[in-house]
Protein backbone atom coordinates (compact mmCIF):
# COMPACT_ATOMS: atom_id res chain seq x y z
CA MET A 1 -24.94 31.17 -30.95
CA MET A 2 -22.82 32.93 -28.31
CA ALA A 3 -25.02 31.44 -25.59
CA THR A 4 -24.44 27.95 -27.00
CA ILE A 5 -20.68 28.49 -27.04
CA GLY A 6 -20.82 29.84 -23.49
CA VAL A 7 -22.79 26.80 -22.25
CA ALA A 8 -20.40 24.45 -24.06
CA ALA A 9 -17.43 26.21 -22.47
CA LEU A 10 -19.00 25.89 -19.02
CA LEU A 11 -19.70 22.19 -19.54
CA VAL A 12 -16.17 21.50 -20.74
CA GLY A 13 -14.71 23.55 -17.88
CA SER A 14 -16.81 21.78 -15.26
CA THR A 15 -15.88 18.40 -16.73
CA PHE A 16 -12.19 19.25 -16.46
CA ALA A 17 -12.70 20.49 -12.91
CA GLN A 18 -14.52 17.27 -11.97
CA ASN A 19 -11.78 15.15 -13.52
CA ALA A 20 -9.12 17.13 -11.66
CA GLN A 21 -11.03 16.79 -8.40
CA THR A 22 -11.51 13.05 -8.95
CA ALA A 23 -7.80 12.65 -9.68
CA GLN A 24 -6.94 14.43 -6.45
CA THR A 25 -9.37 12.44 -4.28
CA ALA A 26 -8.65 9.04 -5.82
CA PRO A 27 -5.46 8.44 -3.78
CA ALA A 28 -7.29 9.53 -0.62
CA LYS A 29 -10.13 7.12 -1.39
CA LYS A 30 -7.63 4.32 -2.05
CA THR A 31 -5.89 4.99 1.28
CA GLU A 32 -9.25 5.07 3.08
CA PHE A 33 -10.23 1.78 1.41
CA ARG A 34 -6.97 0.19 2.53
CA LYS A 35 -7.53 1.42 6.10
CA GLU A 36 -11.02 -0.03 6.13
CA LYS A 37 -9.73 -3.27 4.63
CA ARG A 38 -7.04 -3.57 7.33
CA GLN A 39 -9.56 -2.91 10.07
CA ASP A 40 -11.95 -5.44 8.53
CA MET A 41 -9.25 -8.08 8.73
CA MET A 42 -9.48 -7.99 12.50
CA ALA A 43 -13.26 -8.12 12.24
CA ASP A 44 -12.95 -11.29 10.14
CA ILE A 45 -11.26 -13.16 12.99
CA PRO A 46 -13.97 -15.15 14.77
CA ASN A 47 -14.61 -14.79 18.50
CA LEU A 48 -11.98 -12.10 19.00
CA THR A 49 -12.13 -11.02 22.64
CA LYS A 50 -11.86 -7.42 23.78
CA GLU A 51 -8.51 -8.28 25.36
CA GLN A 52 -7.21 -9.70 22.08
CA THR A 53 -8.47 -6.65 20.20
CA VAL A 54 -6.67 -4.31 22.60
CA GLN A 55 -3.48 -6.37 22.36
CA ILE A 56 -3.60 -6.45 18.56
CA LYS A 57 -4.18 -2.70 18.36
CA LYS A 58 -1.22 -2.11 20.69
CA ILE A 59 1.07 -4.41 18.70
CA LYS A 60 -0.09 -2.78 15.47
CA GLU A 61 0.53 0.75 16.75
CA GLU A 62 4.02 -0.15 18.02
CA ALA A 63 4.85 -1.74 14.66
CA ARG A 64 3.57 1.33 12.80
CA GLU A 65 5.69 3.65 14.95
CA LYS A 66 8.75 1.47 14.46
CA VAL A 67 8.57 1.53 10.65
CA ALA A 68 7.52 5.19 10.29
CA PRO A 69 11.13 6.46 10.04
CA GLN A 70 11.95 3.70 7.55
CA ARG A 71 8.95 4.63 5.40
CA LYS A 72 10.12 8.25 5.37
CA GLU A 73 13.63 7.19 4.47
CA ILE A 74 12.34 5.02 1.59
CA LYS A 75 10.30 7.97 0.33
CA ASP A 76 13.37 10.24 0.48
CA LEU A 77 15.49 7.64 -1.33
CA ARG A 78 12.88 7.33 -4.10
CA SER A 79 12.94 11.08 -4.55
CA LYS A 80 16.75 11.17 -4.72
CA LEU A 81 16.76 8.20 -7.10
CA SER A 82 14.26 9.91 -9.37
CA THR A 83 16.41 13.05 -9.45
CA LEU A 84 19.55 11.05 -10.25
CA LYS A 85 17.78 9.17 -13.06
CA MET A 86 16.73 12.43 -14.71
CA ALA A 87 20.22 13.94 -14.62
CA GLU A 88 21.95 14.85 -17.88
CA LYS A 89 24.58 12.20 -17.15
CA PRO A 90 23.20 9.75 -14.55
CA ASP A 91 25.78 8.48 -12.06
CA MET A 92 25.20 4.71 -11.96
CA LYS A 93 27.39 4.29 -8.90
CA GLN A 94 25.16 6.68 -6.91
CA ILE A 95 21.99 5.17 -8.37
CA ASN A 96 23.07 1.63 -7.47
CA GLY A 97 24.04 2.79 -3.98
CA LEU A 98 20.56 4.23 -3.41
CA ILE A 99 18.94 1.06 -4.76
CA ASP A 100 21.04 -1.06 -2.39
CA GLN A 101 20.22 1.23 0.52
CA SER A 102 16.52 1.04 -0.32
CA ALA A 103 16.64 -2.76 -0.56
CA LYS A 104 18.30 -2.98 2.85
CA ILE A 105 15.61 -0.81 4.45
CA LYS A 106 12.83 -2.80 2.76
CA ALA A 107 14.34 -6.01 4.14
CA GLU A 108 14.37 -4.50 7.64
CA MET A 109 10.72 -3.48 7.20
CA GLU A 110 9.79 -7.00 6.08
CA LYS A 111 11.48 -8.41 9.17
CA SER A 112 9.50 -5.98 11.35
CA ARG A 113 6.28 -6.96 9.58
CA THR A 114 7.03 -10.62 10.24
CA VAL A 115 7.61 -9.94 13.94
CA TYR A 116 4.29 -8.06 14.05
CA GLU A 117 2.44 -10.91 12.34
CA LEU A 118 3.95 -13.50 14.67
CA GLU A 119 3.13 -11.42 17.76
CA VAL A 120 -0.48 -11.11 16.65
CA ARG A 121 -0.59 -14.78 15.78
CA SER A 122 0.70 -15.71 19.25
CA ILE A 123 -2.36 -14.19 20.97
CA LEU A 124 -4.87 -15.99 18.75
CA THR A 125 -6.47 -19.32 19.53
CA LEU A 126 -5.89 -22.34 17.30
CA GLU A 127 -9.28 -21.82 15.57
CA GLN A 128 -8.58 -18.12 14.99
CA ARG A 129 -5.17 -18.93 13.50
CA LYS A 130 -6.80 -21.41 11.11
CA VAL A 131 -9.14 -18.68 9.86
CA VAL A 132 -6.28 -16.18 9.50
CA ASP A 133 -4.17 -18.76 7.68
CA ALA A 134 -7.03 -19.57 5.29
CA GLN A 135 -7.54 -15.85 4.58
CA ARG A 136 -3.83 -15.39 3.95
CA ASN A 137 -3.71 -18.36 1.58
CA GLU A 138 -6.73 -17.03 -0.30
CA LYS A 139 -5.07 -13.61 -0.69
CA MET A 140 -1.86 -15.23 -1.92
CA GLU A 141 -3.82 -17.21 -4.52
CA ILE A 142 -5.61 -14.05 -5.70
CA ARG A 143 -2.27 -12.20 -6.00
CA GLU A 144 -0.78 -15.10 -7.93
CA LYS A 145 -3.75 -15.18 -10.33
CA LYS A 146 -3.45 -11.42 -10.87
CA HIS A 147 0.27 -11.78 -11.49
CA ILE A 148 -0.31 -14.51 -14.07
CA GLU A 149 -3.07 -12.49 -15.77
CA HIS A 150 -0.85 -9.41 -15.87
CA LYS A 151 2.01 -11.44 -17.29
CA GLU A 152 -0.25 -12.94 -19.97
CA MET A 153 -1.61 -9.50 -20.92
CA ASN A 154 1.91 -8.17 -21.36
CA GLN A 155 2.87 -11.13 -23.54
CA THR A 156 -0.07 -10.55 -25.89
CA LYS A 157 0.89 -6.91 -26.50
């Protein structure tokens, strides 16, 4: 009887440990998947020359470095916003100020992303741009379908 309880306790404990480990590695796996996905995007462009690949990597790295401080600032603002929201008496003026500040930074990041995309696009041939455009349109359609499905699921609740 005691042995059975001991085995059951070990199984339950190991299950909790596995779940905790999975929960901790899930974000890392998601980040790794996104990295692979981004790298695959370049691989999906037909007839990409070594020169184009080098140029794209350089443009991408410069863009990443440029937005790094903005990403950190957004993260800090989210943290401050979270703290303000949990206050005994939330200060809406401060909260709105942080939201406005965050929106301004996000707009700057979107402008930087657009510059990056246009720089990459400028080094592609007409055929390569057609492929990239088709991929982008396909992704937009998928996002739109997901948005509609999500909206419909929420309406049925």
